N, C-alpha and C. Protein backbone atom coordinates (compact mmCIF):
# COMPACT_ATOMS: atom_id res chain seq x y z
N GLY A 1 26.88 40.96 -38.77
CA GLY A 1 28.13 41.55 -39.28
C GLY A 1 29.00 40.47 -39.91
N PHE A 2 29.08 39.25 -39.30
CA PHE A 2 29.91 38.23 -39.84
C PHE A 2 29.52 37.82 -41.36
N ALA A 3 28.20 37.78 -41.66
CA ALA A 3 27.71 37.35 -42.89
C ALA A 3 28.26 38.34 -43.91
N LEU A 4 28.19 39.74 -43.65
CA LEU A 4 28.70 40.65 -44.51
C LEU A 4 30.16 40.60 -44.77
N MET A 5 30.89 40.28 -43.73
CA MET A 5 32.40 39.97 -43.92
C MET A 5 32.65 38.86 -44.95
N VAL A 6 31.81 37.84 -44.77
CA VAL A 6 31.85 36.64 -45.73
C VAL A 6 31.64 37.15 -47.13
N ALA A 7 30.51 37.94 -47.17
CA ALA A 7 30.13 38.61 -48.62
C ALA A 7 31.28 39.36 -49.19
N TRP A 8 31.95 40.28 -48.49
CA TRP A 8 33.03 41.02 -49.01
C TRP A 8 34.26 39.93 -49.35
N LEU A 9 34.50 39.03 -48.54
CA LEU A 9 35.65 38.07 -48.87
C LEU A 9 35.30 37.29 -50.07
N ILE A 10 34.05 36.94 -50.36
CA ILE A 10 33.63 36.19 -51.52
C ILE A 10 33.99 36.97 -52.85
N MET A 11 33.61 38.25 -52.77
CA MET A 11 33.73 39.01 -54.21
C MET A 11 35.02 39.76 -54.34
N ILE A 12 35.82 39.88 -53.25
CA ILE A 12 37.03 40.67 -53.50
C ILE A 12 38.06 39.95 -54.38
N PRO A 13 38.39 38.59 -54.28
CA PRO A 13 39.33 37.99 -55.12
C PRO A 13 39.09 38.15 -56.72
N THR A 14 37.80 37.79 -57.08
CA THR A 14 37.57 37.97 -58.50
C THR A 14 37.32 39.37 -58.94
N SER A 15 36.94 40.29 -58.09
CA SER A 15 36.89 41.64 -58.44
C SER A 15 38.30 42.22 -58.68
N THR A 16 39.19 41.81 -57.77
CA THR A 16 40.55 42.29 -57.82
C THR A 16 41.28 41.65 -59.12
N ALA A 17 41.02 40.54 -59.42
CA ALA A 17 41.56 39.78 -60.58
C ALA A 17 41.06 40.53 -61.93
N ASN A 18 39.80 40.82 -61.94
CA ASN A 18 39.11 41.40 -63.16
C ASN A 18 39.70 42.85 -63.28
N HIS A 19 39.86 43.56 -62.28
CA HIS A 19 40.34 44.97 -62.48
C HIS A 19 41.85 44.99 -62.65
N LEU A 20 42.64 44.07 -62.09
CA LEU A 20 44.02 44.03 -62.48
C LEU A 20 44.22 43.64 -63.94
N HIS A 21 43.51 42.77 -64.42
CA HIS A 21 43.58 42.40 -65.82
C HIS A 21 43.23 43.50 -66.64
N CYS A 22 42.19 44.38 -66.38
CA CYS A 22 41.88 45.39 -67.13
C CYS A 22 42.95 46.59 -67.04
N ALA A 23 43.48 46.70 -65.89
CA ALA A 23 44.51 47.77 -65.82
C ALA A 23 45.84 47.52 -66.66
N PHE A 24 46.20 46.20 -66.52
CA PHE A 24 47.48 45.76 -67.32
C PHE A 24 47.31 45.52 -68.72
N THR A 25 46.12 45.15 -69.15
CA THR A 25 45.93 44.75 -70.62
C THR A 25 45.15 45.86 -71.26
N GLY A 26 44.52 46.76 -70.59
CA GLY A 26 43.67 47.78 -71.29
C GLY A 26 42.35 47.26 -71.74
N GLY A 27 41.96 46.10 -71.45
CA GLY A 27 40.69 45.64 -71.81
C GLY A 27 40.11 44.60 -70.82
N HIS A 28 38.86 44.32 -70.93
CA HIS A 28 38.22 43.26 -69.99
C HIS A 28 38.40 41.93 -70.54
N SER A 29 38.46 40.97 -69.58
CA SER A 29 38.36 39.54 -69.90
C SER A 29 36.91 39.11 -69.62
N LYS A 30 36.24 38.65 -70.68
CA LYS A 30 34.95 38.21 -70.62
C LYS A 30 34.66 37.24 -69.41
N LEU A 31 35.66 36.29 -69.22
CA LEU A 31 35.54 35.31 -68.25
C LEU A 31 35.64 35.92 -66.87
N LEU A 32 36.69 36.75 -66.69
CA LEU A 32 36.89 37.33 -65.35
C LEU A 32 35.73 38.24 -64.99
N LEU A 33 35.26 38.99 -65.95
CA LEU A 33 34.07 39.92 -65.76
C LEU A 33 32.90 39.10 -65.31
N LYS A 34 32.61 37.93 -65.97
CA LYS A 34 31.47 37.11 -65.53
C LYS A 34 31.66 36.63 -64.17
N LEU A 35 32.89 36.18 -63.83
CA LEU A 35 33.22 35.68 -62.54
C LEU A 35 32.99 36.77 -61.51
N ASP A 36 33.42 37.88 -61.77
CA ASP A 36 33.26 39.14 -60.92
C ASP A 36 31.75 39.27 -60.65
N GLN A 37 30.99 39.32 -61.68
CA GLN A 37 29.58 39.45 -61.52
C GLN A 37 28.81 38.38 -60.74
N SER A 38 29.35 37.14 -61.01
CA SER A 38 28.79 35.96 -60.31
C SER A 38 29.00 36.05 -58.79
N MET A 39 30.23 36.47 -58.45
CA MET A 39 30.55 36.52 -57.04
C MET A 39 29.65 37.67 -56.36
N LEU A 40 29.26 38.70 -57.18
CA LEU A 40 28.45 39.82 -56.58
C LEU A 40 27.08 39.23 -56.31
N THR A 41 26.59 38.37 -57.13
CA THR A 41 25.34 37.70 -56.83
C THR A 41 25.41 36.76 -55.51
N ALA A 42 26.53 36.03 -55.40
CA ALA A 42 26.76 35.19 -54.28
C ALA A 42 26.82 35.96 -53.02
N ALA A 43 27.53 37.10 -53.04
CA ALA A 43 27.65 38.03 -51.95
C ALA A 43 26.35 38.56 -51.53
N ALA A 44 25.41 38.78 -52.45
CA ALA A 44 24.11 39.37 -52.21
C ALA A 44 23.32 38.49 -51.32
N ILE A 45 23.57 37.14 -51.42
CA ILE A 45 22.90 36.18 -50.55
C ILE A 45 23.19 36.49 -49.09
N PHE A 46 24.50 36.68 -48.76
CA PHE A 46 24.97 36.87 -47.42
C PHE A 46 24.39 38.31 -46.89
N GLY A 47 24.43 39.18 -47.88
CA GLY A 47 23.87 40.53 -47.49
C GLY A 47 22.42 40.46 -47.14
N ALA A 48 21.63 39.67 -47.85
CA ALA A 48 20.17 39.48 -47.57
C ALA A 48 19.90 38.85 -46.23
N TRP A 49 20.82 37.86 -45.90
CA TRP A 49 20.64 37.27 -44.57
C TRP A 49 21.00 38.26 -43.53
N ALA A 50 22.16 39.00 -43.69
CA ALA A 50 22.55 39.79 -42.63
C ALA A 50 21.56 40.95 -42.25
N LEU A 51 21.02 41.35 -43.34
CA LEU A 51 19.87 42.43 -43.07
C LEU A 51 18.61 42.10 -42.79
N SER A 52 18.30 40.87 -42.91
CA SER A 52 16.86 40.40 -42.66
C SER A 52 16.84 39.30 -41.61
N ARG A 53 17.83 38.45 -41.50
CA ARG A 53 17.95 37.34 -40.65
C ARG A 53 16.75 36.34 -41.02
N SER A 54 16.55 36.31 -42.22
CA SER A 54 15.42 35.48 -42.85
C SER A 54 16.00 34.42 -43.90
N LEU A 55 15.97 33.27 -43.59
CA LEU A 55 16.58 32.22 -44.61
C LEU A 55 15.63 32.18 -45.84
N PRO A 56 14.27 32.29 -45.78
CA PRO A 56 13.41 32.24 -47.05
C PRO A 56 13.87 33.46 -48.01
N PHE A 57 13.96 34.60 -47.21
CA PHE A 57 14.34 35.82 -48.08
C PHE A 57 15.76 35.63 -48.75
N ALA A 58 16.73 35.13 -47.97
CA ALA A 58 18.09 34.88 -48.51
C ALA A 58 17.97 33.94 -49.75
N CYS A 59 17.17 32.87 -49.58
CA CYS A 59 16.89 31.87 -50.66
C CYS A 59 16.27 32.60 -51.83
N PHE A 60 15.34 33.41 -51.61
CA PHE A 60 14.72 34.23 -52.73
C PHE A 60 15.84 35.03 -53.50
N ILE A 61 16.68 35.77 -52.83
CA ILE A 61 17.82 36.49 -53.48
C ILE A 61 18.68 35.53 -54.24
N ALA A 62 19.01 34.27 -53.54
CA ALA A 62 19.81 33.29 -54.29
C ALA A 62 19.25 32.89 -55.58
N PHE A 63 17.82 32.73 -55.59
CA PHE A 63 17.29 32.30 -56.75
C PHE A 63 17.37 33.30 -57.89
N GLN A 64 17.26 34.59 -57.51
CA GLN A 64 17.40 35.65 -58.53
C GLN A 64 18.83 35.52 -59.18
N GLY A 65 19.76 35.36 -58.32
CA GLY A 65 21.23 35.31 -58.79
C GLY A 65 21.33 34.12 -59.67
N LEU A 66 20.71 33.02 -59.40
CA LEU A 66 20.84 31.79 -60.06
C LEU A 66 20.32 32.00 -61.39
N LEU A 67 19.11 32.73 -61.60
CA LEU A 67 18.54 32.98 -62.82
C LEU A 67 19.54 33.86 -63.78
N MET A 68 20.05 34.87 -63.03
CA MET A 68 20.91 35.86 -63.79
C MET A 68 22.24 35.15 -64.39
N ASN A 69 22.80 34.14 -63.49
CA ASN A 69 23.95 33.37 -63.85
C ASN A 69 23.71 32.45 -65.01
N GLY A 70 22.47 31.80 -64.86
CA GLY A 70 22.02 30.96 -65.95
C GLY A 70 21.98 31.55 -67.28
N CYS A 71 21.46 32.71 -67.34
CA CYS A 71 21.20 33.52 -68.54
C CYS A 71 22.69 33.97 -69.03
N MET A 72 23.57 34.34 -68.06
CA MET A 72 24.91 34.92 -68.42
C MET A 72 25.79 33.83 -68.92
N TYR A 73 25.77 32.60 -68.43
CA TYR A 73 26.55 31.52 -68.93
C TYR A 73 26.10 30.73 -69.96
N PHE A 74 24.69 30.48 -70.02
CA PHE A 74 24.08 29.59 -70.88
C PHE A 74 22.90 30.10 -71.63
N GLY A 75 22.72 31.45 -71.59
CA GLY A 75 21.71 32.00 -72.44
C GLY A 75 22.01 32.25 -73.92
N SER A 76 21.22 33.03 -74.58
CA SER A 76 21.57 33.37 -76.00
C SER A 76 22.87 34.09 -76.10
N GLN A 77 23.52 34.18 -77.14
CA GLN A 77 24.83 34.82 -77.30
C GLN A 77 24.74 36.29 -77.02
N ALA A 78 23.56 36.86 -77.22
CA ALA A 78 23.42 38.24 -76.84
C ALA A 78 23.35 38.55 -75.41
N LEU A 79 22.79 37.59 -74.65
CA LEU A 79 22.84 37.66 -73.24
C LEU A 79 24.28 37.44 -72.66
N GLN A 80 24.93 36.58 -73.43
CA GLN A 80 26.23 36.28 -72.79
C GLN A 80 27.21 37.39 -73.02
N ASP A 81 27.03 38.11 -74.17
CA ASP A 81 28.03 39.09 -74.62
C ASP A 81 27.66 40.52 -74.01
N HIS A 82 26.47 40.76 -73.76
CA HIS A 82 25.91 42.15 -73.36
C HIS A 82 26.12 42.41 -71.80
N VAL A 83 26.86 43.39 -71.51
CA VAL A 83 27.12 43.74 -70.18
C VAL A 83 26.27 44.48 -69.37
N THR A 84 25.63 45.44 -70.06
CA THR A 84 24.74 46.41 -69.35
C THR A 84 23.58 45.70 -68.65
N TRP A 85 22.87 44.65 -69.37
CA TRP A 85 21.85 44.10 -68.57
C TRP A 85 22.20 43.48 -67.36
N ARG A 86 23.50 42.89 -67.32
CA ARG A 86 23.92 42.19 -66.10
C ARG A 86 24.20 43.14 -65.02
N SER A 87 24.75 44.34 -65.36
CA SER A 87 24.99 45.45 -64.32
C SER A 87 23.58 45.93 -63.82
N GLU A 88 22.62 46.04 -64.65
CA GLU A 88 21.28 46.53 -64.21
C GLU A 88 20.70 45.55 -63.36
N THR A 89 20.86 44.27 -63.74
CA THR A 89 20.24 43.15 -62.97
C THR A 89 20.80 43.01 -61.53
N ILE A 90 22.22 43.19 -61.47
CA ILE A 90 22.89 43.27 -60.19
C ILE A 90 22.42 44.25 -59.35
N ALA A 91 22.18 45.47 -60.02
CA ALA A 91 21.64 46.49 -59.20
C ALA A 91 20.26 46.33 -58.67
N CYS A 92 19.44 45.64 -59.41
CA CYS A 92 18.20 45.28 -58.89
C CYS A 92 18.22 44.21 -57.73
N ILE A 93 19.11 43.27 -57.76
CA ILE A 93 19.37 42.37 -56.78
C ILE A 93 19.86 43.04 -55.53
N ALA A 94 20.75 44.06 -55.76
CA ALA A 94 21.22 44.81 -54.55
C ALA A 94 20.15 45.61 -53.93
N LEU A 95 19.22 46.11 -54.73
CA LEU A 95 18.09 46.78 -53.98
C LEU A 95 17.24 45.82 -53.29
N GLY A 96 17.06 44.51 -53.87
CA GLY A 96 16.40 43.56 -53.23
C GLY A 96 16.95 43.19 -51.77
N TYR A 97 18.24 43.01 -51.74
CA TYR A 97 18.85 42.62 -50.50
C TYR A 97 18.89 43.71 -49.41
N LEU A 98 18.78 44.91 -49.91
CA LEU A 98 18.71 46.16 -49.07
C LEU A 98 17.28 46.38 -48.56
N SER A 99 16.24 45.84 -49.22
CA SER A 99 14.82 46.00 -48.88
C SER A 99 14.47 45.70 -47.37
N PRO A 100 15.08 44.63 -46.79
CA PRO A 100 14.81 44.54 -45.32
C PRO A 100 14.90 45.74 -44.50
N MET A 101 15.64 46.70 -44.87
CA MET A 101 15.87 47.82 -44.06
C MET A 101 14.57 48.66 -44.01
N VAL A 102 13.69 48.31 -44.95
CA VAL A 102 12.38 48.92 -44.96
C VAL A 102 11.28 48.13 -44.32
N TRP A 103 11.12 46.89 -44.84
CA TRP A 103 9.96 46.03 -44.38
C TRP A 103 10.20 45.15 -43.16
N SER A 104 11.52 45.05 -42.66
CA SER A 104 11.83 44.17 -41.47
C SER A 104 12.20 45.00 -40.22
N ARG A 105 11.98 46.26 -40.31
CA ARG A 105 12.19 47.25 -39.17
C ARG A 105 10.91 47.78 -38.67
N GLU A 106 10.86 48.06 -37.38
CA GLU A 106 9.66 48.64 -36.86
C GLU A 106 9.69 50.22 -37.06
N ALA A 107 10.85 50.78 -37.30
CA ALA A 107 11.10 52.17 -37.46
C ALA A 107 12.05 52.35 -38.73
N LEU A 108 11.99 53.47 -39.31
CA LEU A 108 12.87 53.73 -40.41
C LEU A 108 14.21 53.56 -40.04
N ASP A 109 14.97 52.75 -40.85
CA ASP A 109 16.47 52.61 -40.56
C ASP A 109 17.14 53.92 -41.10
N PRO A 110 17.75 54.62 -40.21
CA PRO A 110 18.46 55.93 -40.58
C PRO A 110 19.62 55.68 -41.60
N ASN A 111 20.12 54.46 -41.63
CA ASN A 111 21.34 54.09 -42.57
C ASN A 111 20.89 53.95 -43.98
N ILE A 112 19.58 53.87 -44.29
CA ILE A 112 19.08 53.71 -45.68
C ILE A 112 19.29 55.09 -46.50
N VAL A 113 19.22 56.18 -45.94
CA VAL A 113 19.50 57.47 -46.59
C VAL A 113 20.87 57.51 -47.21
N PRO A 114 21.97 57.37 -46.55
CA PRO A 114 23.31 57.39 -47.08
C PRO A 114 23.60 56.25 -47.93
N ILE A 115 22.97 55.05 -47.73
CA ILE A 115 23.05 53.86 -48.55
C ILE A 115 22.50 54.18 -49.95
N LEU A 116 21.37 54.71 -50.01
CA LEU A 116 20.65 54.95 -51.26
C LEU A 116 21.49 56.09 -52.05
N CYS A 117 22.01 57.14 -51.35
CA CYS A 117 22.83 58.01 -52.02
C CYS A 117 23.95 57.43 -52.70
N CYS A 118 24.78 56.56 -51.92
CA CYS A 118 25.89 55.84 -52.57
C CYS A 118 25.46 55.00 -53.73
N PHE A 119 24.25 54.34 -53.54
CA PHE A 119 23.74 53.46 -54.52
C PHE A 119 23.46 54.16 -55.86
N ILE A 120 22.80 55.22 -55.70
CA ILE A 120 22.36 55.99 -56.93
C ILE A 120 23.67 56.54 -57.62
N PHE A 121 24.55 57.16 -56.78
CA PHE A 121 25.79 57.67 -57.37
C PHE A 121 26.57 56.53 -58.00
N GLY A 122 26.77 55.48 -57.34
CA GLY A 122 27.45 54.38 -57.96
C GLY A 122 26.90 53.83 -59.21
N PHE A 123 25.57 53.74 -59.21
CA PHE A 123 24.87 53.18 -60.34
C PHE A 123 25.07 54.04 -61.61
N ILE A 124 25.02 55.40 -61.40
CA ILE A 124 25.25 56.34 -62.48
C ILE A 124 26.74 56.22 -62.88
N MET A 125 27.71 56.10 -61.99
CA MET A 125 29.14 56.04 -62.35
C MET A 125 29.46 54.71 -63.12
N ALA A 126 28.78 53.64 -62.66
CA ALA A 126 29.10 52.19 -63.34
C ALA A 126 28.45 52.11 -64.57
N VAL A 127 27.13 52.59 -64.72
CA VAL A 127 26.36 52.22 -65.90
C VAL A 127 26.51 53.36 -66.93
N GLN A 128 26.31 54.71 -66.50
CA GLN A 128 26.30 55.69 -67.45
C GLN A 128 27.60 56.27 -67.64
N ALA A 129 28.58 56.21 -66.92
CA ALA A 129 29.96 56.57 -67.04
C ALA A 129 29.98 58.07 -67.52
N PRO A 130 29.38 59.04 -66.64
CA PRO A 130 29.33 60.40 -67.14
C PRO A 130 30.69 61.30 -67.22
N VAL A 131 31.62 60.76 -66.45
CA VAL A 131 32.98 61.39 -66.61
C VAL A 131 34.09 60.50 -67.19
N GLY A 132 33.69 59.62 -68.01
CA GLY A 132 34.59 58.79 -68.77
C GLY A 132 35.40 57.90 -67.90
N PRO A 133 36.76 57.88 -68.14
CA PRO A 133 37.54 56.90 -67.34
C PRO A 133 37.56 57.05 -65.92
N PHE A 134 37.13 58.28 -65.41
CA PHE A 134 37.14 58.41 -63.96
C PHE A 134 35.90 57.94 -63.29
N SER A 135 34.85 57.46 -64.14
CA SER A 135 33.54 57.04 -63.59
C SER A 135 33.69 55.76 -62.70
N HIS A 136 34.51 54.87 -63.18
CA HIS A 136 34.54 53.61 -62.45
C HIS A 136 35.37 53.70 -61.25
N PRO A 137 36.46 54.40 -61.09
CA PRO A 137 37.16 54.59 -59.79
C PRO A 137 36.18 55.23 -58.85
N LEU A 138 35.34 56.34 -59.22
CA LEU A 138 34.40 56.96 -58.39
C LEU A 138 33.40 56.00 -57.91
N PHE A 139 32.91 55.12 -58.76
CA PHE A 139 32.02 54.02 -58.29
C PHE A 139 32.56 53.24 -57.15
N HIS A 140 33.90 52.90 -57.17
CA HIS A 140 34.52 52.14 -56.25
C HIS A 140 34.57 52.86 -55.00
N LEU A 141 34.89 54.25 -55.00
CA LEU A 141 34.94 55.03 -53.87
C LEU A 141 33.68 55.11 -53.08
N ALA A 142 32.54 55.18 -53.89
CA ALA A 142 31.23 55.22 -53.27
C ALA A 142 30.96 53.89 -52.44
N LEU A 143 31.63 52.75 -52.80
CA LEU A 143 31.46 51.53 -52.12
C LEU A 143 31.91 51.63 -50.69
N ILE A 144 32.79 52.63 -50.38
CA ILE A 144 33.40 52.52 -48.94
C ILE A 144 32.37 53.01 -47.96
N PRO A 145 31.62 54.19 -48.17
CA PRO A 145 30.50 54.47 -47.27
C PRO A 145 29.42 53.52 -47.39
N TYR A 146 29.24 52.97 -48.55
CA TYR A 146 28.13 51.93 -48.74
C TYR A 146 28.30 50.79 -47.82
N ALA A 147 29.58 50.26 -47.86
CA ALA A 147 29.92 49.10 -47.07
C ALA A 147 29.70 49.45 -45.56
N TYR A 148 30.18 50.66 -45.21
CA TYR A 148 30.13 51.04 -43.77
C TYR A 148 28.68 51.12 -43.21
N TYR A 149 27.84 51.86 -43.91
CA TYR A 149 26.42 51.99 -43.55
C TYR A 149 25.69 50.63 -43.61
N THR A 150 26.05 49.84 -44.60
CA THR A 150 25.30 48.52 -44.67
C THR A 150 25.58 47.57 -43.45
N THR A 151 26.95 47.66 -43.20
CA THR A 151 27.39 46.84 -41.97
C THR A 151 26.84 47.46 -40.73
N ARG A 152 26.69 48.70 -40.62
CA ARG A 152 26.21 49.30 -39.37
C ARG A 152 24.75 48.86 -39.19
N SER A 153 23.90 48.90 -40.35
CA SER A 153 22.58 48.63 -40.28
C SER A 153 22.42 47.06 -39.90
N ALA A 154 23.20 46.15 -40.51
CA ALA A 154 23.13 44.75 -40.11
C ALA A 154 23.55 44.47 -38.60
N VAL A 155 24.61 45.17 -38.13
CA VAL A 155 24.98 44.87 -36.75
C VAL A 155 24.00 45.26 -35.75
N THR A 156 23.42 46.60 -36.15
CA THR A 156 22.39 47.14 -35.17
C THR A 156 21.07 46.29 -35.20
N TYR A 157 20.76 45.72 -36.36
CA TYR A 157 19.65 44.87 -36.38
C TYR A 157 19.84 43.55 -35.59
N GLU A 158 21.03 43.14 -35.80
CA GLU A 158 21.39 41.76 -35.06
C GLU A 158 21.35 42.00 -33.49
N LEU A 159 21.88 43.10 -33.05
CA LEU A 159 21.77 43.38 -31.57
C LEU A 159 20.38 43.54 -31.20
N SER A 160 19.60 44.35 -32.03
CA SER A 160 18.13 44.40 -31.58
C SER A 160 17.40 43.06 -31.42
N GLN A 161 17.75 42.12 -32.37
CA GLN A 161 17.09 40.85 -32.23
C GLN A 161 17.56 40.13 -31.04
N GLU A 162 18.92 40.21 -30.70
CA GLU A 162 19.26 39.48 -29.47
C GLU A 162 18.62 40.07 -28.24
N ARG A 163 18.59 41.43 -28.20
CA ARG A 163 17.83 42.10 -27.10
C ARG A 163 16.41 41.65 -26.95
N ALA A 164 15.77 41.54 -28.13
CA ALA A 164 14.40 41.19 -28.14
C ALA A 164 14.16 39.76 -27.65
N ARG A 165 15.10 38.87 -28.05
CA ARG A 165 15.00 37.49 -27.49
C ARG A 165 15.06 37.47 -26.04
N SER A 166 15.99 38.33 -25.56
CA SER A 166 16.31 38.32 -24.09
C SER A 166 14.94 38.87 -23.31
N VAL A 167 14.42 39.90 -23.90
CA VAL A 167 13.29 40.57 -23.35
C VAL A 167 12.02 39.64 -23.30
N TRP A 168 11.86 38.92 -24.41
CA TRP A 168 10.68 38.07 -24.73
C TRP A 168 10.69 36.87 -23.78
N ILE A 169 11.86 36.36 -23.58
CA ILE A 169 11.95 35.06 -22.76
C ILE A 169 12.15 35.29 -21.25
N GLU A 170 13.15 36.25 -20.96
CA GLU A 170 13.56 36.33 -19.60
C GLU A 170 12.60 37.33 -18.81
N ASP A 171 12.24 38.47 -19.28
CA ASP A 171 11.43 39.38 -18.63
C ASP A 171 10.06 38.82 -18.16
N PRO A 172 9.31 38.11 -19.02
CA PRO A 172 8.05 37.62 -18.64
C PRO A 172 8.23 36.65 -17.56
N LEU A 173 9.18 35.90 -17.51
CA LEU A 173 9.45 34.84 -16.53
C LEU A 173 9.68 35.53 -15.16
N ASP A 174 10.55 36.47 -15.16
CA ASP A 174 10.96 37.23 -13.90
C ASP A 174 9.63 37.92 -13.26
N SER A 175 8.89 38.58 -14.16
CA SER A 175 7.80 39.39 -13.65
C SER A 175 6.58 38.58 -13.32
N GLU A 176 6.35 37.36 -14.00
CA GLU A 176 5.11 36.58 -13.78
C GLU A 176 5.37 35.44 -12.82
N LEU A 177 6.48 34.79 -12.82
CA LEU A 177 6.86 33.74 -12.05
C LEU A 177 7.22 34.10 -10.59
N GLY A 178 8.14 35.13 -10.53
CA GLY A 178 8.68 35.59 -9.28
C GLY A 178 9.83 34.59 -8.95
N ASP A 179 10.44 34.89 -7.83
CA ASP A 179 11.57 34.25 -7.39
C ASP A 179 11.31 32.93 -6.66
N ASP A 180 10.10 32.72 -6.27
CA ASP A 180 9.79 31.49 -5.41
C ASP A 180 9.11 30.37 -6.16
N CYS A 181 9.11 30.45 -7.54
CA CYS A 181 8.59 29.48 -8.30
C CYS A 181 9.48 28.11 -8.32
N SER A 182 8.89 26.99 -8.71
CA SER A 182 9.64 25.79 -8.72
C SER A 182 10.42 25.68 -10.02
N ALA A 183 11.43 24.78 -9.99
CA ALA A 183 12.23 24.58 -11.27
C ALA A 183 11.29 24.04 -12.23
N SER A 184 10.37 23.21 -11.96
CA SER A 184 9.49 22.58 -13.04
C SER A 184 8.64 23.67 -13.63
N GLU A 185 8.14 24.58 -12.85
CA GLU A 185 7.21 25.78 -13.42
C GLU A 185 8.14 26.63 -14.34
N ARG A 186 9.30 26.98 -13.84
CA ARG A 186 10.12 27.80 -14.72
C ARG A 186 10.48 27.04 -16.14
N ASP A 187 10.77 25.85 -16.03
CA ASP A 187 11.08 25.02 -17.24
C ASP A 187 9.90 25.01 -18.20
N GLU A 188 8.71 24.87 -17.69
CA GLU A 188 7.52 24.91 -18.45
C GLU A 188 7.20 26.18 -19.10
N ALA A 189 7.53 27.28 -18.35
CA ALA A 189 7.39 28.63 -18.87
C ALA A 189 8.35 28.84 -19.98
N LEU A 190 9.57 28.37 -19.71
CA LEU A 190 10.58 28.62 -20.87
C LEU A 190 10.18 27.85 -22.07
N LYS A 191 9.58 26.74 -22.07
CA LYS A 191 9.11 25.96 -23.19
C LYS A 191 8.05 26.79 -23.95
N GLU A 192 7.08 27.31 -23.13
CA GLU A 192 5.97 28.09 -23.74
C GLU A 192 6.58 29.27 -24.36
N GLY A 193 7.53 30.01 -23.61
CA GLY A 193 8.10 31.30 -24.23
C GLY A 193 8.83 30.99 -25.59
N ALA A 194 9.61 29.86 -25.63
CA ALA A 194 10.25 29.38 -26.74
C ALA A 194 9.30 29.20 -28.05
N GLU A 195 8.23 28.58 -27.71
CA GLU A 195 7.21 28.37 -28.74
C GLU A 195 6.55 29.69 -29.22
N ASP A 196 6.28 30.55 -28.35
CA ASP A 196 5.90 31.89 -28.70
C ASP A 196 6.89 32.70 -29.58
N LEU A 197 8.18 32.50 -29.25
CA LEU A 197 9.23 33.23 -29.88
C LEU A 197 9.29 32.81 -31.30
N CYS A 198 8.92 31.51 -31.54
CA CYS A 198 9.02 31.04 -33.04
C CYS A 198 7.87 31.77 -33.87
N LEU A 199 6.88 32.24 -33.16
CA LEU A 199 5.80 32.87 -33.94
C LEU A 199 5.97 34.50 -34.09
N HIS A 200 6.63 35.01 -33.00
CA HIS A 200 6.78 36.49 -33.08
C HIS A 200 7.88 36.94 -32.33
N VAL A 201 8.88 37.67 -32.84
CA VAL A 201 9.99 38.22 -32.09
C VAL A 201 9.97 39.74 -32.25
N PRO A 202 9.66 40.47 -31.27
CA PRO A 202 9.58 42.03 -31.45
C PRO A 202 10.95 42.56 -31.72
N VAL A 203 11.04 43.52 -32.36
CA VAL A 203 12.46 44.22 -32.71
C VAL A 203 12.92 45.03 -31.50
N THR A 204 11.99 45.75 -30.89
CA THR A 204 12.35 46.62 -29.76
C THR A 204 11.64 46.42 -28.52
N ARG A 205 12.17 46.92 -27.50
CA ARG A 205 11.68 46.44 -26.17
C ARG A 205 10.21 47.28 -25.99
């Protein structure tokens, strides 16, 4: 949950600045728009970690964001000026950091259905703009339930991992060693349990 809070805090300032500039001037600032999109890719790293608890996966998402930012700031003039490809790339990165809800859970995460509905609706509003100037505000409204269900999934997964660690280490000791084992025997069993935990941590009891 904390990682997602950091993600929102990272992208809110630049997003607010970009939208306020657009509201008061009637047009986008290329620099503020790029900063807004850069912070979205940075926030995706924390989202990836929160939903997967996997450092390699978070680094993979970070690498994708680094590639996009490199093209956005230092690529050809067409890549620097064209906005649609960046929006589509950010959408792909978002799908990437949401993917642990499928492959890192032992059962289907029920939060994925409302998240995907918000994602599809928001993507259509942001990229296709089917209702003109009302499209972008509707996209931001869709982010409210999106943020709720994403946070709910991350918190639920984090709690399940904490319960799994407790079950994996404590329960085998209580059931196999009993109350009359020596302190040295229990310490040795704890070391063995910690080594096994590095190899496999079940999600549910």
